[in-house]
Amino acid sequence: MTKVLVLVSGGVDSAVASALALEQGLEISMLHFSTVPLGNTRGLEKTEKLARHLEKMFGKKIRVCVVPHGETLFAIAKSCNRKYSCVLCRRMMLRIAERVAEKERASALVTGESIGQVASQTLFNLNAEHSALNLPVIKPLLGMDKLEIERLAKKFETFETSILPSACCSIPSKPATKATEERILREEKTLEIDKLVKTSLNGVKCKT
């Protein structure tokens, strides 16, 4: 059976993406990026609750992997232009996710991105983010609007859990919406990318 790794934020979109992957017969593991100490553990608690719910709904075991992401967020905030922080954060997450996918023997990543819903998801920014990795990325919600995604969330009974409060990295007041790979690569020169990825990977914890 084909296995994929779903990046789960604790929000509505990624829970629906997880359910759609399961509905298509895929085996999934969920990957959550912990913002502690910048945030709380509510996002992880929601991810674990969603995993148990989808296990019951689809009759498949789901592994939940947690990545410590706080140090990376500190480094981006300290060294980089704040308006690019969302794109830089996503690029780091995708790099780490690709490495976790290798360990989980997953053939692709799955994300809950849909074009233009938030600052990091304009077409320009998505292109800049996904150029950081080689593994295929499946985006089942890409062309859906908010109402369509919420309808699916209610169908899969994930909506009420997904809308519970949780922590995420703060969004800049004026985020870049037309990031280019060239500009992002300049920003990344101020980061110790290999060190940050290694530190995050050393802290990954997975459980079924």
Protein backbone atom coordinates (compact mmCIF):
# COMPACT_ATOMS: atom_id res chain seq x y z
CA MET A 1 0.00 0.00 0.00
CA THR A 2 1.26 3.50 -0.87
CA LYS A 3 2.20 5.59 2.15
CA VAL A 4 2.29 9.39 2.38
CA LEU A 5 3.31 11.86 5.07
CA VAL A 6 0.76 14.59 5.82
CA LEU A 7 1.91 17.92 7.26
CA VAL A 8 -0.72 18.67 9.90
CA SER A 9 -1.07 22.15 11.37
CA GLY A 10 -4.07 21.45 13.58
CA GLY A 11 -6.23 23.60 11.31
CA VAL A 12 -9.22 22.69 9.15
CA ASP A 13 -7.33 22.26 5.85
CA SER A 14 -4.70 19.70 6.81
CA ALA A 15 -7.26 17.51 8.60
CA VAL A 16 -9.36 17.39 5.43
CA ALA A 17 -6.27 16.62 3.34
CA SER A 18 -5.54 13.71 5.70
CA ALA A 19 -9.08 12.37 5.34
CA LEU A 20 -9.03 12.66 1.54
CA ALA A 21 -5.75 10.74 1.38
CA LEU A 22 -7.27 7.97 3.51
CA GLU A 23 -10.43 7.99 1.40
CA GLN A 24 -8.29 7.37 -1.69
CA GLY A 25 -6.85 4.26 -0.03
CA LEU A 26 -3.49 5.70 0.98
CA GLU A 27 -1.74 4.88 4.24
CA ILE A 28 -0.75 8.03 6.13
CA SER A 29 1.53 9.25 8.87
CA MET A 30 0.91 12.72 10.30
CA LEU A 31 3.72 15.22 10.89
CA HIS A 32 3.22 18.04 13.39
CA PHE A 33 5.70 20.89 13.93
CA SER A 34 5.76 21.95 17.58
CA THR A 35 6.25 25.68 18.22
CA VAL A 36 7.18 25.19 21.89
CA PRO A 37 8.52 27.31 23.63
CA LEU A 38 7.03 30.03 21.39
CA GLY A 39 3.59 28.42 21.58
CA ASN A 40 1.69 25.78 23.51
CA THR A 41 0.98 22.08 22.97
CA ARG A 42 -2.63 22.51 21.82
CA GLY A 43 -1.73 21.95 18.16
CA LEU A 44 -0.19 18.57 18.99
CA GLU A 45 -3.16 17.61 21.16
CA LYS A 46 -5.51 18.41 18.26
CA THR A 47 -3.36 16.44 15.80
CA GLU A 48 -3.40 13.38 18.05
CA LYS A 49 -7.17 13.69 18.54
CA LEU A 50 -7.71 13.97 14.77
CA ALA A 51 -5.47 10.94 14.17
CA ARG A 52 -7.48 8.78 16.58
CA HIS A 53 -10.76 9.96 15.01
CA LEU A 54 -9.61 9.20 11.46
CA GLU A 55 -8.26 5.82 12.57
CA LYS A 56 -11.75 4.86 13.70
CA MET A 57 -13.43 6.31 10.62
CA PHE A 58 -11.16 4.57 8.09
CA GLY A 59 -9.96 1.55 10.09
CA LYS A 60 -6.27 2.31 9.54
CA LYS A 61 -3.49 2.94 12.05
CA ILE A 62 -1.94 6.42 11.85
CA ARG A 63 1.51 7.28 13.17
CA VAL A 64 1.95 10.81 14.54
CA CYS A 65 5.43 12.31 14.34
CA VAL A 66 6.36 15.54 16.14
CA VAL A 67 9.19 17.88 15.11
CA PRO A 68 10.61 20.52 17.50
CA HIS A 69 10.38 23.70 15.41
CA GLY A 70 10.95 26.44 17.99
CA GLU A 71 14.70 26.84 17.40
CA THR A 72 14.15 27.21 13.66
CA LEU A 73 11.51 29.89 14.20
CA PHE A 74 13.87 31.78 16.54
CA ALA A 75 16.61 31.68 13.90
CA ILE A 76 14.31 32.98 11.14
CA ALA A 77 12.99 35.78 13.36
CA LYS A 78 16.50 36.80 14.38
CA SER A 79 18.26 36.72 11.02
CA CYS A 80 15.75 37.25 8.20
CA ASN A 81 13.47 39.91 6.79
CA ARG A 82 10.21 39.43 8.65
CA LYS A 83 7.97 39.75 5.59
CA TYR A 84 9.49 36.51 4.23
CA SER A 85 9.15 34.57 7.48
CA CYS A 86 6.14 32.49 6.37
CA VAL A 87 7.87 31.31 3.20
CA LEU A 88 11.14 30.61 5.03
CA CYS A 89 9.29 28.70 7.74
CA ARG A 90 7.48 26.57 5.17
CA ARG A 91 10.68 25.82 3.25
CA MET A 92 12.31 24.58 6.46
CA MET A 93 9.27 22.47 7.29
CA LEU A 94 9.30 20.88 3.84
CA ARG A 95 13.03 20.11 4.04
CA ILE A 96 12.55 18.39 7.39
CA ALA A 97 9.37 16.64 6.24
CA GLU A 98 11.22 15.19 3.26
CA ARG A 99 13.79 13.61 5.58
CA VAL A 100 11.10 12.27 7.92
CA ALA A 101 9.26 10.83 4.90
CA GLU A 102 12.38 8.86 3.99
CA LYS A 103 12.46 7.30 7.47
CA GLU A 104 8.71 6.60 7.35
CA ARG A 105 9.06 5.09 3.85
CA ALA A 106 6.52 7.55 2.49
CA SER A 107 6.39 8.12 -1.26
CA ALA A 108 5.10 11.71 -1.13
CA LEU A 109 4.15 14.57 1.14
CA VAL A 110 0.56 15.80 1.48
CA THR A 111 -0.34 19.36 2.48
CA GLY A 112 -3.59 21.24 3.03
CA GLU A 113 -2.63 24.21 0.89
CA SER A 114 -5.17 26.00 -1.27
CA ILE A 115 -4.24 28.89 -3.53
CA GLY A 116 -4.51 32.35 -2.04
CA GLN A 117 -6.17 31.55 1.31
CA VAL A 118 -3.31 32.95 3.41
CA ALA A 119 -0.06 34.83 2.83
CA SER A 120 2.11 31.73 2.40
CA GLN A 121 -0.22 30.21 -0.19
CA THR A 122 -0.13 32.57 -3.15
CA LEU A 123 1.07 30.85 -6.30
CA PHE A 124 4.35 32.81 -6.18
CA ASN A 125 5.02 31.77 -2.59
CA LEU A 126 4.05 28.14 -3.15
CA ASN A 127 6.56 27.94 -6.00
CA ALA A 128 9.28 29.49 -3.83
CA GLU A 129 8.49 27.11 -0.96
CA HIS A 130 8.34 23.87 -2.90
CA SER A 131 11.58 24.46 -4.77
CA ALA A 132 13.34 23.46 -1.52
CA LEU A 133 12.67 19.74 -1.95
CA ASN A 134 12.64 16.86 -4.41
CA LEU A 135 9.88 14.63 -3.06
CA PRO A 136 6.44 14.96 -4.75
CA VAL A 137 3.90 17.07 -2.85
CA ILE A 138 0.20 16.20 -3.16
CA LYS A 139 -2.15 19.17 -2.61
CA PRO A 140 -5.72 17.80 -2.73
CA LEU A 141 -7.32 21.12 -1.69
CA LEU A 142 -5.39 23.35 -4.09
CA GLY A 143 -8.35 24.63 -6.11
CA MET A 144 -10.97 24.56 -3.34
CA ASP A 145 -12.37 27.59 -1.55
CA LYS A 146 -12.97 27.92 2.19
CA LEU A 147 -16.63 26.85 2.02
CA GLU A 148 -15.82 23.67 0.08
CA ILE A 149 -13.11 22.74 2.58
CA GLU A 150 -15.38 23.38 5.57
CA ARG A 151 -18.10 21.23 3.98
CA LEU A 152 -15.64 18.35 3.68
CA ALA A 153 -14.45 18.91 7.25
CA LYS A 154 -18.03 18.49 8.46
CA LYS A 155 -18.47 15.39 6.28
CA PHE A 156 -15.37 13.81 7.84
CA GLU A 157 -16.36 15.10 11.32
CA THR A 158 -13.03 16.90 11.80
CA PHE A 159 -14.37 20.47 11.78
CA GLU A 160 -15.17 20.89 15.48
CA THR A 161 -11.75 19.63 16.55
CA SER A 162 -9.90 21.65 13.92
CA ILE A 163 -11.38 25.00 14.97
CA LEU A 164 -10.25 24.63 18.58
CA PRO A 165 -7.57 27.23 19.46
CA SER A 166 -3.91 26.32 18.97
CA ALA A 167 -0.56 28.04 18.47
CA CYS A 168 1.26 28.82 15.23
CA CYS A 169 4.18 31.00 14.25
CA SER A 170 3.06 34.64 14.10
CA ILE A 171 2.18 36.01 10.67
CA PRO A 172 3.91 39.31 9.81
CA SER A 173 1.68 42.36 9.43
CA LYS A 174 2.78 42.78 5.79
CA PRO A 175 3.84 39.34 4.53
CA ALA A 176 5.41 38.97 1.10
CA THR A 177 2.92 37.60 -1.43
CA LYS A 178 5.26 37.43 -4.45
CA ALA A 179 8.38 35.80 -3.08
CA THR A 180 10.96 34.64 -5.61
CA GLU A 181 13.36 31.76 -5.15
CA GLU A 182 16.27 34.14 -5.79
CA ARG A 183 15.23 36.45 -2.93
CA ILE A 184 14.50 33.56 -0.58
CA LEU A 185 17.91 32.01 -1.26
CA ARG A 186 19.51 35.34 -0.28
CA GLU A 187 17.57 35.33 2.98
CA GLU A 188 18.56 31.72 3.67
CA LYS A 189 22.26 32.59 3.48
CA THR A 190 21.84 34.07 6.97
CA LEU A 191 20.60 30.72 8.34
CA GLU A 192 22.57 27.62 9.32
CA ILE A 193 20.15 25.42 7.40
CA ASP A 194 21.97 22.10 7.71
CA LYS A 195 22.43 22.57 11.45
CA LEU A 196 18.79 23.53 11.99
CA VAL A 197 17.54 20.56 9.98
CA LYS A 198 19.83 18.17 11.85
CA THR A 199 18.74 19.54 15.24
CA SER A 200 15.07 19.17 14.30
CA LEU A 201 15.53 15.63 13.00
CA ASN A 202 17.36 14.59 16.16
CA GLY A 203 14.33 15.69 18.15
CA VAL A 204 11.64 13.92 16.08
CA LYS A 205 9.38 11.60 18.07
CA CYS A 206 6.87 9.24 16.46
CA LYS A 207 4.15 7.06 17.93
CA THR A 208 1.14 5.07 16.76
